[in-house]
């Protein structure tokens, strides 16, 4: 079994520096880079025009973006250590609050939001996970303008060193973190109790992603391998081989049938979760290293209709690539 994907569109100069952070909604692509601005491009326009620029969001650049599954809340983290909170309202993203930079570098790195954008979890340089409850308050009674206040909700210890990646399950019950030691931990989101310490290769794990049904966890990094784990038992159920460079990003298709991975040599691979096989290998653009890859959520108004799947890539050079399944209508 194989699948074919075609380059649908390329935005060559989306940013003037490397893109490290990427999020997607049914109508937009949001990116952050080594430059201060966040850029937002439309997926409902055939030319993927720029919808909005969030000016000077992060003066030293942005390294992570997380979005809630309802696509209404966004958090972006800058190299200065600050986190900015955003809400989608009246067709645009608006700033609603922030978590100021801590005194120690690396106090906030990778982040994840729960499905409704009510809780934010962030990894740290020393193995802690911080959890904030995000509470909306009226900032201006005359205009009804709201702000979001981040209240520290919990803190728990992984003992795994720097938290390279974090993800929250779609049912809001689990949190997973990965570390330079190769350690991967799964926690209960409600009790912060450690449920599983997962076996993996003794090399940095740079990406962890729960499947849409919250039954599997995919993890990958410098070993060039992708591990699949049964979330309930904590057992490894598959090992996907094929990449020849560090794997920096993973994402599940909305049905959970496919997993897409991107690496620093510019290679993209699409995997069948059922057969545990790679069904497509591509090279992004000119083979520039990839830092982020996401399936595009479906929407009735999207450029590609029907059953066609699409994904978006970003990385070195500041460009964005959009790919669609060859069998889909354009």
Protein backbone atom coordinates (compact mmCIF):
# COMPACT_ATOMS: atom_id res chain seq x y z
CA UNK A 1 0.00 0.00 0.00
CA UNK A 2 1.25 3.46 -0.85
CA UNK A 3 -0.09 6.99 -0.96
CA UNK A 4 0.97 9.99 -2.98
CA UNK A 5 1.04 13.59 -1.86
CA UNK A 6 1.61 16.62 -4.06
CA UNK A 7 3.00 20.03 -3.24
CA UNK A 8 -0.11 22.22 -3.32
CA UNK A 9 1.50 25.53 -2.45
CA UNK A 10 4.71 27.06 -1.11
CA UNK A 11 5.08 30.29 0.83
CA UNK A 12 8.80 30.87 0.30
CA UNK A 13 9.32 33.92 2.47
CA UNK A 14 6.72 33.57 5.18
CA UNK A 15 9.42 34.62 7.69
CA UNK A 16 12.89 36.06 7.21
CA UNK A 17 14.38 33.52 9.64
CA UNK A 18 13.92 29.82 10.41
CA UNK A 19 10.42 28.76 11.51
CA UNK A 20 10.35 26.75 14.73
CA UNK A 21 6.67 26.81 15.73
CA UNK A 22 3.51 25.87 13.85
CA UNK A 23 -0.20 25.50 14.60
CA UNK A 24 -3.22 25.04 12.36
CA UNK A 25 -6.98 25.59 12.46
CA UNK A 26 -9.57 24.68 9.80
CA UNK A 27 -8.98 28.10 8.22
CA UNK A 28 -5.49 29.25 9.21
CA UNK A 29 -1.81 28.40 9.60
CA UNK A 30 -0.03 30.13 12.49
CA UNK A 31 3.78 30.24 12.55
CA UNK A 32 6.51 31.55 14.83
CA UNK A 33 10.20 31.98 14.02
CA UNK A 34 13.45 33.57 15.13
CA UNK A 35 11.93 36.96 14.27
CA UNK A 36 9.54 38.88 16.60
CA UNK A 37 6.30 38.55 14.61
CA UNK A 38 3.82 35.68 14.47
CA UNK A 39 2.39 35.19 10.97
CA UNK A 40 -1.06 33.87 10.09
CA UNK A 41 -1.97 32.58 6.62
CA UNK A 42 -5.38 31.60 5.29
CA UNK A 43 -6.10 28.02 4.18
CA UNK A 44 -9.44 29.01 2.67
CA UNK A 45 -7.74 31.09 -0.03
CA UNK A 46 -6.14 29.34 -3.01
CA UNK A 47 -3.01 31.49 -2.64
CA UNK A 48 -2.84 31.09 1.15
CA UNK A 49 -2.73 34.85 1.63
CA UNK A 50 -1.53 36.38 4.86
CA UNK A 51 -4.51 37.00 7.16
CA UNK A 52 -2.84 38.69 10.09
CA UNK A 53 0.52 39.59 11.63
CA UNK A 54 0.92 39.64 15.40
CA UNK A 55 3.57 42.34 15.56
CA UNK A 56 6.46 42.04 17.98
CA UNK A 57 4.79 39.17 19.83
CA UNK A 58 8.19 37.86 20.97
CA UNK A 59 11.16 40.26 20.66
CA UNK A 60 13.72 37.40 20.62
CA UNK A 61 11.62 35.08 18.47
CA UNK A 62 9.19 32.22 19.16
CA UNK A 63 10.08 28.54 19.62
CA UNK A 64 6.74 26.87 20.51
CA UNK A 65 3.06 27.40 19.73
CA UNK A 66 0.19 25.36 21.16
CA UNK A 67 -3.47 25.59 20.23
CA UNK A 68 -6.58 24.20 21.90
CA UNK A 69 -8.52 21.55 20.01
CA UNK A 70 -11.49 23.89 19.69
CA UNK A 71 -9.10 26.26 17.85
CA UNK A 72 -10.10 29.27 19.94
CA UNK A 73 -7.14 29.57 22.33
CA UNK A 74 -3.45 29.88 21.50
CA UNK A 75 -0.24 30.17 23.50
CA UNK A 76 3.12 31.15 22.07
CA UNK A 77 6.46 30.95 23.89
CA UNK A 78 9.42 33.20 23.16
CA UNK A 79 13.15 32.69 23.50
CA UNK A 80 13.01 35.32 26.24
CA UNK A 81 11.02 32.85 28.36
CA UNK A 82 7.68 34.68 28.14
CA UNK A 83 4.38 33.08 27.08
CA UNK A 84 1.68 35.10 25.30
CA UNK A 85 -1.99 34.10 25.44
CA UNK A 86 -4.31 34.69 22.48
CA UNK A 87 -8.02 34.24 21.74
CA UNK A 88 -9.73 33.93 18.36
CA UNK A 89 -12.58 36.43 18.24
CA UNK A 90 -14.36 38.34 15.45
CA UNK A 91 -12.20 36.60 12.84
CA UNK A 92 -8.82 37.62 14.29
CA UNK A 93 -6.40 36.60 17.03
CA UNK A 94 -6.33 39.01 19.96
CA UNK A 95 -3.85 39.15 22.87
CA UNK A 96 -5.55 38.36 26.16
CA UNK A 97 -2.73 37.90 28.66
CA UNK A 98 0.73 36.53 29.30
CA UNK A 99 2.95 34.60 31.66
CA UNK A 100 5.98 36.83 32.24
CA UNK A 101 9.48 35.47 31.76
CA UNK A 102 11.00 33.84 34.83
CA UNK A 103 14.41 34.78 36.18
CA UNK A 104 15.93 31.45 35.13
CA UNK A 105 16.38 30.65 31.43
CA UNK A 106 14.45 27.58 30.30
CA UNK A 107 11.79 27.93 32.97
CA UNK A 108 9.19 27.59 30.22
CA UNK A 109 9.87 25.62 27.04
CA UNK A 110 7.38 23.27 25.37
CA UNK A 111 3.67 23.88 26.02
CA UNK A 112 0.31 22.20 25.52
CA UNK A 113 -3.30 23.30 26.01
CA UNK A 114 -6.26 21.15 26.94
CA UNK A 115 -9.13 20.81 24.45
CA UNK A 116 -11.03 23.91 25.62
CA UNK A 117 -8.03 26.10 26.41
CA UNK A 118 -8.72 26.08 30.15
CA UNK A 119 -5.42 24.59 31.28
CA UNK A 120 -1.85 25.14 30.10
CA UNK A 121 1.05 22.81 30.86
CA UNK A 122 4.67 23.83 30.27
CA UNK A 123 7.97 21.99 30.64
CA UNK A 124 11.09 23.40 32.30
CA UNK A 125 14.87 23.08 32.19
CA UNK A 126 15.02 20.93 35.34
CA UNK A 127 12.29 18.36 34.75
CA UNK A 128 9.29 20.07 36.36
CA UNK A 129 5.94 20.52 34.69
CA UNK A 130 3.99 23.65 35.56
CA UNK A 131 0.22 23.74 35.09
CA UNK A 132 -1.81 26.96 34.93
CA UNK A 133 -5.55 27.40 34.95
CA UNK A 134 -6.50 30.10 32.44
CA UNK A 135 -9.40 32.18 33.75
CA UNK A 136 -11.21 34.83 31.69
CA UNK A 137 -12.03 38.11 33.43
CA UNK A 138 -13.69 41.31 32.22
CA UNK A 139 -10.94 43.88 31.66
CA UNK A 140 -13.20 46.71 30.49
CA UNK A 141 -16.83 46.78 31.57
CA UNK A 142 -17.78 49.37 28.94
CA UNK A 143 -16.41 47.44 25.98
CA UNK A 144 -16.76 43.95 27.43
CA UNK A 145 -13.11 43.31 26.61
CA UNK A 146 -11.71 40.26 28.41
CA UNK A 147 -8.30 39.32 29.69
CA UNK A 148 -7.04 35.88 30.64
CA UNK A 149 -5.33 35.40 33.98
CA UNK A 150 -2.99 32.43 34.42
CA UNK A 151 -3.30 30.99 37.92
CA UNK A 152 -0.70 28.41 38.97
CA UNK A 153 -2.67 25.19 39.37
CA UNK A 154 -0.06 22.48 39.95
CA UNK A 155 3.61 21.60 39.66
CA UNK A 156 4.98 18.09 39.32
CA UNK A 157 8.37 16.49 38.88
CA UNK A 158 9.51 14.22 36.03
CA UNK A 159 13.15 13.82 37.11
CA UNK A 160 13.96 13.55 33.42
CA UNK A 161 15.88 16.77 32.93
CA UNK A 162 14.94 19.39 30.35
CA UNK A 163 11.39 18.91 29.04
CA UNK A 164 11.88 18.90 25.27
CA UNK A 165 8.26 18.17 24.36
CA UNK A 166 4.85 17.90 25.97
CA UNK A 167 1.38 16.89 24.76
CA UNK A 168 -2.08 16.62 26.29
CA UNK A 169 -4.51 13.88 25.26
CA UNK A 170 -7.72 14.81 23.45
CA UNK A 171 -9.84 13.52 26.34
CA UNK A 172 -7.92 15.82 28.75
CA UNK A 173 -6.97 12.91 31.04
CA UNK A 174 -3.26 12.47 30.21
CA UNK A 175 -0.08 14.49 29.78
CA UNK A 176 3.13 13.16 28.21
CA UNK A 177 6.62 14.68 28.36
CA UNK A 178 9.93 13.73 26.72
CA UNK A 179 13.53 14.51 27.64
CA UNK A 180 17.16 14.58 26.38
CA UNK A 181 17.87 11.42 28.39
CA UNK A 182 15.39 9.50 26.22
CA UNK A 183 12.89 9.29 29.07
CA UNK A 184 9.17 9.61 28.34
CA UNK A 185 6.59 9.99 31.10
CA UNK A 186 2.80 9.79 31.08
CA UNK A 187 0.92 11.52 33.90
CA UNK A 188 -2.68 11.74 35.00
CA UNK A 189 -3.76 15.31 34.22
CA UNK A 190 -6.21 15.39 37.14
CA UNK A 191 -3.98 13.99 39.89
CA UNK A 192 -0.52 14.74 38.33
CA UNK A 193 0.38 11.17 39.34
CA UNK A 194 2.97 9.36 37.22
CA UNK A 195 1.26 6.52 35.34
CA UNK A 196 4.03 5.23 33.08
CA UNK A 197 7.75 5.66 32.56
CA UNK A 198 8.13 4.42 29.00
CA UNK A 199 11.03 2.40 27.57
CA UNK A 200 12.81 4.16 24.72
CA UNK A 201 16.19 4.71 23.08
CA UNK A 202 18.86 6.44 25.16
CA UNK A 203 18.85 9.61 23.04
CA UNK A 204 16.85 12.85 23.11
CA UNK A 205 13.14 12.53 22.32
CA UNK A 206 12.00 15.72 20.60
CA UNK A 207 8.33 14.98 19.83
CA UNK A 208 5.45 13.24 21.62
CA UNK A 209 1.89 13.12 20.32
CA UNK A 210 -1.24 11.35 21.57
CA UNK A 211 -3.50 9.74 18.96
CA UNK A 212 -6.95 11.33 18.45
CA UNK A 213 -8.59 8.54 20.47
CA UNK A 214 -6.01 8.89 23.27
CA UNK A 215 -5.10 5.19 22.95
CA UNK A 216 -1.59 5.51 21.48
CA UNK A 217 1.39 7.78 22.04
CA UNK A 218 3.94 8.41 19.28
CA UNK A 219 7.45 9.52 20.22
CA UNK A 220 10.56 10.30 18.15
CA UNK A 221 13.85 12.16 18.20
CA UNK A 222 17.58 11.77 17.65
CA UNK A 223 17.45 7.97 17.32
CA UNK A 224 15.69 8.47 13.94
CA UNK A 225 13.05 5.97 15.10
CA UNK A 226 9.36 6.44 15.92
CA UNK A 227 8.03 4.48 18.88
CA UNK A 228 4.32 3.76 19.38
CA UNK A 229 3.08 3.01 22.88
CA UNK A 230 -0.18 1.63 24.22
CA UNK A 231 -1.32 4.38 26.59
CA UNK A 232 -3.27 2.07 28.89
CA UNK A 233 -0.49 -0.48 29.49
CA UNK A 234 2.55 1.69 28.79
CA UNK A 235 3.97 -1.02 26.53
CA UNK A 236 5.77 -0.33 23.23
CA UNK A 237 3.67 -1.79 20.41
CA UNK A 238 5.60 -0.71 17.30
CA UNK A 239 8.89 0.74 16.10
CA UNK A 240 8.84 2.66 12.80
CA UNK A 241 12.15 2.80 10.93
CA UNK A 242 13.12 4.81 7.87
CA UNK A 243 14.35 8.28 8.80
CA UNK A 244 18.08 8.97 8.57
CA UNK A 245 18.21 12.24 10.52
CA UNK A 246 16.79 13.60 13.75
CA UNK A 247 12.99 13.52 13.80
CA UNK A 248 11.77 16.89 15.05
CA UNK A 249 7.99 16.73 14.67
CA UNK A 250 5.07 14.28 14.59
CA UNK A 251 1.35 14.63 14.03
CA UNK A 252 -1.65 12.29 13.69
CA UNK A 253 -4.28 12.59 10.98
CA UNK A 254 -7.72 13.49 12.33
CA UNK A 255 -8.90 9.86 12.06
CA UNK A 256 -5.76 8.43 13.64
CA UNK A 257 -5.14 6.25 10.58
CA UNK A 258 -1.91 8.00 9.60
CA UNK A 259 1.06 9.59 11.28
CA UNK A 260 3.25 12.18 9.57
CA UNK A 261 6.85 12.86 10.60
CA UNK A 262 9.45 15.46 9.63
CA UNK A 263 13.22 15.46 10.09
CA UNK A 264 16.21 17.77 9.89
CA UNK A 265 17.25 16.43 6.47
CA UNK A 266 13.99 17.72 4.99
CA UNK A 267 12.41 14.28 4.64
CA UNK A 268 8.68 13.83 5.24
CA UNK A 269 7.20 10.41 5.89
CA UNK A 270 3.58 9.33 6.15
CA UNK A 271 2.96 6.12 8.09
CA UNK A 272 0.00 3.74 8.15
CA UNK A 273 -0.73 3.07 11.81
CA UNK A 274 -2.58 -0.15 10.97
CA UNK A 275 0.21 -1.74 8.91
CA UNK A 276 3.09 0.02 10.74
CA UNK A 277 4.56 0.85 7.32
CA UNK A 278 5.73 4.03 5.61
CA UNK A 279 3.30 4.71 2.76
CA UNK A 280 4.91 7.88 1.40
CA UNK A 281 8.31 9.60 1.53
CA UNK A 282 8.87 13.13 0.26
CA UNK A 283 11.52 15.84 0.44
CA UNK A 284 10.32 19.25 1.51
CA UNK A 285 11.21 21.95 -1.03
CA UNK A 286 14.98 22.05 -1.42
CA UNK A 287 15.59 19.59 1.37
CA UNK A 288 15.68 22.24 4.08
CA UNK A 289 15.53 20.94 7.63
CA UNK A 290 12.06 20.73 9.15
CA UNK A 291 11.18 21.87 12.65
CA UNK A 292 7.41 21.50 12.52
CA UNK A 293 4.76 19.50 10.68
CA UNK A 294 0.96 19.43 11.11
CA UNK A 295 -2.05 17.88 9.43
CA UNK A 296 -4.50 20.61 8.44
CA UNK A 297 -7.88 20.22 10.16
CA UNK A 298 -10.74 19.74 7.73
CA UNK A 299 -13.42 22.35 7.06
CA UNK A 300 -16.27 22.64 4.60
CA UNK A 301 -14.86 25.91 3.28
CA UNK A 302 -11.30 24.62 2.78
CA UNK A 303 -9.58 24.73 -0.59
CA UNK A 304 -9.45 20.94 -0.80
CA UNK A 305 -12.81 19.29 -0.24
CA UNK A 306 -13.93 15.70 0.16
CA UNK A 307 -11.64 13.06 1.63
CA UNK A 308 -8.30 14.58 0.65
CA UNK A 309 -5.84 14.97 3.49
CA UNK A 310 -3.45 17.91 3.74
CA UNK A 311 -0.47 18.73 5.89
CA UNK A 312 1.81 21.73 6.32
CA UNK A 313 5.55 21.90 7.01
CA UNK A 314 7.90 24.64 8.22
CA UNK A 315 11.56 24.91 9.13
CA UNK A 316 14.90 26.28 8.02
CA UNK A 317 14.83 29.17 5.54
CA UNK A 318 11.52 30.67 6.65
CA UNK A 319 9.32 28.87 4.12
CA UNK A 320 6.00 27.05 4.56
CA UNK A 321 4.98 24.05 2.43
CA UNK A 322 1.41 22.80 1.98
CA UNK A 323 0.82 19.28 0.62
CA UNK A 324 -2.35 17.46 -0.40
CA UNK A 325 -3.23 13.86 -1.06
CA UNK A 326 -2.95 13.20 -4.81
CA UNK A 327 -6.36 11.53 -5.01
CA UNK A 328 -8.10 14.61 -3.58
CA UNK A 329 -9.86 17.21 -5.69
CA UNK A 330 -8.25 20.63 -5.88
